[in-house]
Amino acid sequence: RTGWQDLDHSLLVLRSLGRYHAMSKVLIGRGLIDQSDKGHYFAGVNSPVMTKLFNGGVHMLSKALINKLGSWPAGWEDIGKRIQKQKDVLCDTLEELYKNDDKKFEVL
């Protein structure tokens, strides 16, 4: 799409998403869905593919900031260096952030 949704379509999307999550909560409560039915958000799984994907993206972003590539203006070099230092712990940090022990908000 080349434009944003209007109010009616936005409300339709939000209602549909709400119904989907409500139904998943009912199915979990009835025991019809268990852990094997649930997937994982791709960024929350620390795998070799994700490590390479995120490390490559962070490396290129920090390189663009440090070297003022593309449309990045001067003044972002320090942030680029700080981002570059976090490259090796990014996937571990994301995996930790996606852990959710609060079953109250558990849906599909």
C-alpha atoms as a PDB file:
ATOM      1  CA  ARG A   1       0.000   0.000   0.000  1.00  0.00           C
ATOM      2  CA  THR A   2       1.111   3.531  -0.627  1.00  0.00           C
ATOM      3  CA  GLY A   3      -1.115   5.245   1.939  1.00  0.00           C
ATOM      4  CA  TRP A   4      -2.214   4.851   5.521  1.00  0.00           C
ATOM      5  CA  GLN A   5      -5.460   3.203   6.496  1.00  0.00           C
ATOM      6  CA  ASP A   6      -8.442   5.369   7.278  1.00  0.00           C
ATOM      7  CA  LEU A   7     -10.167   5.270  10.671  1.00  0.00           C
ATOM      8  CA  ASP A   8     -12.743   2.622   9.721  1.00  0.00           C
ATOM      9  CA  HIS A   9     -10.114   0.207   8.424  1.00  0.00           C
ATOM     10  CA  SER A  10      -7.847   0.865  11.404  1.00  0.00           C
ATOM     11  CA  LEU A  11     -10.701   0.055  13.795  1.00  0.00           C
ATOM     12  CA  LEU A  12     -11.463  -3.116  11.827  1.00  0.00           C
ATOM     13  CA  VAL A  13      -7.832  -4.227  12.128  1.00  0.00           C
ATOM     14  CA  LEU A  14      -7.711  -3.513  15.872  1.00  0.00           C
ATOM     15  CA  ARG A  15     -11.013  -5.318  16.523  1.00  0.00           C
ATOM     16  CA  SER A  16      -9.865  -8.329  14.512  1.00  0.00           C
ATOM     17  CA  LEU A  17      -6.563  -8.454  16.347  1.00  0.00           C
ATOM     18  CA  GLY A  18      -8.409  -8.177  19.669  1.00  0.00           C
ATOM     19  CA  ARG A  19     -10.720 -11.049  18.715  1.00  0.00           C
ATOM     20  CA  TYR A  20      -7.761 -13.188  17.670  1.00  0.00           C
ATOM     21  CA  HIS A  21      -5.971 -12.631  20.967  1.00  0.00           C
ATOM     22  CA  ALA A  22      -9.183 -13.116  22.968  1.00  0.00           C
ATOM     23  CA  MET A  23      -9.865 -16.432  21.227  1.00  0.00           C
ATOM     24  CA  SER A  24      -6.305 -17.587  21.811  1.00  0.00           C
ATOM     25  CA  LYS A  25      -6.710 -16.756  25.519  1.00  0.00           C
ATOM     26  CA  VAL A  26      -9.909 -18.843  25.638  1.00  0.00           C
ATOM     27  CA  LEU A  27      -8.215 -21.784  23.889  1.00  0.00           C
ATOM     28  CA  ILE A  28      -5.260 -21.609  26.291  1.00  0.00           C
ATOM     29  CA  GLY A  29      -7.674 -21.526  29.243  1.00  0.00           C
ATOM     30  CA  ARG A  30      -9.519 -24.596  27.961  1.00  0.00           C
ATOM     31  CA  GLY A  31      -6.275 -26.482  27.457  1.00  0.00           C
ATOM     32  CA  LEU A  32      -6.766 -26.795  23.703  1.00  0.00           C
ATOM     33  CA  ILE A  33      -3.493 -24.986  23.036  1.00  0.00           C
ATOM     34  CA  ASP A  34      -0.276 -25.972  24.768  1.00  0.00           C
ATOM     35  CA  GLN A  35       3.370 -24.934  24.593  1.00  0.00           C
ATOM     36  CA  SER A  36       3.994 -26.967  21.427  1.00  0.00           C
ATOM     37  CA  ASP A  37       1.405 -24.873  19.548  1.00  0.00           C
ATOM     38  CA  LYS A  38       3.086 -21.588  20.326  1.00  0.00           C
ATOM     39  CA  GLY A  39       5.832 -20.117  18.232  1.00  0.00           C
ATOM     40  CA  HIS A  40       8.616 -17.758  19.170  1.00  0.00           C
ATOM     41  CA  TYR A  41       9.151 -14.253  17.939  1.00  0.00           C
ATOM     42  CA  PHE A  42      12.099 -14.435  15.542  1.00  0.00           C
ATOM     43  CA  ALA A  43      14.105 -11.751  17.365  1.00  0.00           C
ATOM     44  CA  GLY A  44      13.717 -13.580  20.678  1.00  0.00           C
ATOM     45  CA  VAL A  45      15.482 -16.728  19.500  1.00  0.00           C
ATOM     46  CA  ASN A  46      19.253 -16.574  19.774  1.00  0.00           C
ATOM     47  CA  SER A  47      20.377 -18.653  16.795  1.00  0.00           C
ATOM     48  CA  PRO A  48      23.440 -18.455  14.530  1.00  0.00           C
ATOM     49  CA  VAL A  49      21.294 -16.983  11.746  1.00  0.00           C
ATOM     50  CA  MET A  50      19.884 -14.260  14.013  1.00  0.00           C
ATOM     51  CA  THR A  51      23.339 -13.497  15.385  1.00  0.00           C
ATOM     52  CA  LYS A  52      24.723 -12.990  11.885  1.00  0.00           C
ATOM     53  CA  LEU A  53      21.677 -10.999  10.764  1.00  0.00           C
ATOM     54  CA  PHE A  54      21.702  -8.603  13.718  1.00  0.00           C
ATOM     55  CA  ASN A  55      25.478  -8.328  13.880  1.00  0.00           C
ATOM     56  CA  GLY A  56      25.595  -7.474  10.174  1.00  0.00           C
ATOM     57  CA  GLY A  57      22.864  -4.871  10.528  1.00  0.00           C
ATOM     58  CA  VAL A  58      24.441  -3.269  13.587  1.00  0.00           C
ATOM     59  CA  HIS A  59      27.856  -3.303  11.922  1.00  0.00           C
ATOM     60  CA  MET A  60      26.543  -1.516   8.819  1.00  0.00           C
ATOM     61  CA  LEU A  61      24.548   0.990  10.897  1.00  0.00           C
ATOM     62  CA  SER A  62      27.531   1.853  13.076  1.00  0.00           C
ATOM     63  CA  LYS A  63      29.759   2.100   9.988  1.00  0.00           C
ATOM     64  CA  ALA A  64      27.298   4.527   8.363  1.00  0.00           C
ATOM     65  CA  LEU A  65      27.135   6.642  11.519  1.00  0.00           C
ATOM     66  CA  ILE A  66      30.888   6.721  12.077  1.00  0.00           C
ATOM     67  CA  ASN A  67      31.785   7.451   8.441  1.00  0.00           C
ATOM     68  CA  LYS A  68      28.803   9.773   7.803  1.00  0.00           C
ATOM     69  CA  LEU A  69      27.561   7.613   4.925  1.00  0.00           C
ATOM     70  CA  GLY A  70      24.265   8.178   3.162  1.00  0.00           C
ATOM     71  CA  SER A  71      22.162  10.904   4.713  1.00  0.00           C
ATOM     72  CA  TRP A  72      23.705  10.702   8.205  1.00  0.00           C
ATOM     73  CA  PRO A  73      24.981  14.130   9.184  1.00  0.00           C
ATOM     74  CA  ALA A  74      28.015  14.839  11.328  1.00  0.00           C
ATOM     75  CA  GLY A  75      27.568  14.458  15.066  1.00  0.00           C
ATOM     76  CA  TRP A  76      26.505  10.807  15.125  1.00  0.00           C
ATOM     77  CA  GLU A  77      30.004   9.318  15.193  1.00  0.00           C
ATOM     78  CA  ASP A  78      30.040   8.790  18.978  1.00  0.00           C
ATOM     79  CA  ILE A  79      26.702   6.985  18.881  1.00  0.00           C
ATOM     80  CA  GLY A  80      27.995   4.797  16.041  1.00  0.00           C
ATOM     81  CA  LYS A  81      30.986   3.780  18.160  1.00  0.00           C
ATOM     82  CA  ARG A  82      28.733   3.028  21.142  1.00  0.00           C
ATOM     83  CA  ILE A  83      26.424   0.912  18.977  1.00  0.00           C
ATOM     84  CA  GLN A  84      29.402  -0.973  17.550  1.00  0.00           C
ATOM     85  CA  LYS A  85      30.528  -1.968  21.063  1.00  0.00           C
ATOM     86  CA  GLN A  86      27.138  -3.605  21.731  1.00  0.00           C
ATOM     87  CA  LYS A  87      27.246  -5.786  18.615  1.00  0.00           C
ATOM     88  CA  ASP A  88      28.459  -8.926  20.392  1.00  0.00           C
ATOM     89  CA  VAL A  89      25.860  -8.840  23.190  1.00  0.00           C
ATOM     90  CA  LEU A  90      22.861  -7.716  21.125  1.00  0.00           C
ATOM     91  CA  CYS A  91      21.327 -11.161  20.531  1.00  0.00           C
ATOM     92  CA  ASP A  92      21.744 -12.198  24.164  1.00  0.00           C
ATOM     93  CA  THR A  93      20.099  -8.955  25.268  1.00  0.00           C
ATOM     94  CA  LEU A  94      17.176  -9.396  22.845  1.00  0.00           C
ATOM     95  CA  GLU A  95      16.652 -12.984  23.973  1.00  0.00           C
ATOM     96  CA  GLU A  96      16.540 -11.835  27.597  1.00  0.00           C
ATOM     97  CA  LEU A  97      14.075  -9.039  26.788  1.00  0.00           C
ATOM     98  CA  TYR A  98      11.652 -11.407  25.048  1.00  0.00           C
ATOM     99  CA  LYS A  99      11.387 -13.750  28.026  1.00  0.00           C
ATOM    100  CA  ASN A 100       7.986 -13.278  29.605  1.00  0.00           C
ATOM    101  CA  ASP A 101       7.093 -15.022  32.830  1.00  0.00           C
ATOM    102  CA  ASP A 102       3.808 -13.144  33.271  1.00  0.00           C
ATOM    103  CA  LYS A 103       1.139 -15.615  32.109  1.00  0.00           C
ATOM    104  CA  LYS A 104      -1.551 -12.913  32.400  1.00  0.00           C
ATOM    105  CA  PHE A 105      -0.646 -11.552  28.973  1.00  0.00           C
ATOM    106  CA  GLU A 106       0.101 -14.904  27.345  1.00  0.00           C
ATOM    107  CA  VAL A 107      -1.598 -15.227  23.958  1.00  0.00           C
ATOM    108  CA  LEU A 108      -0.740 -16.780  20.604  1.00  0.00           C
END
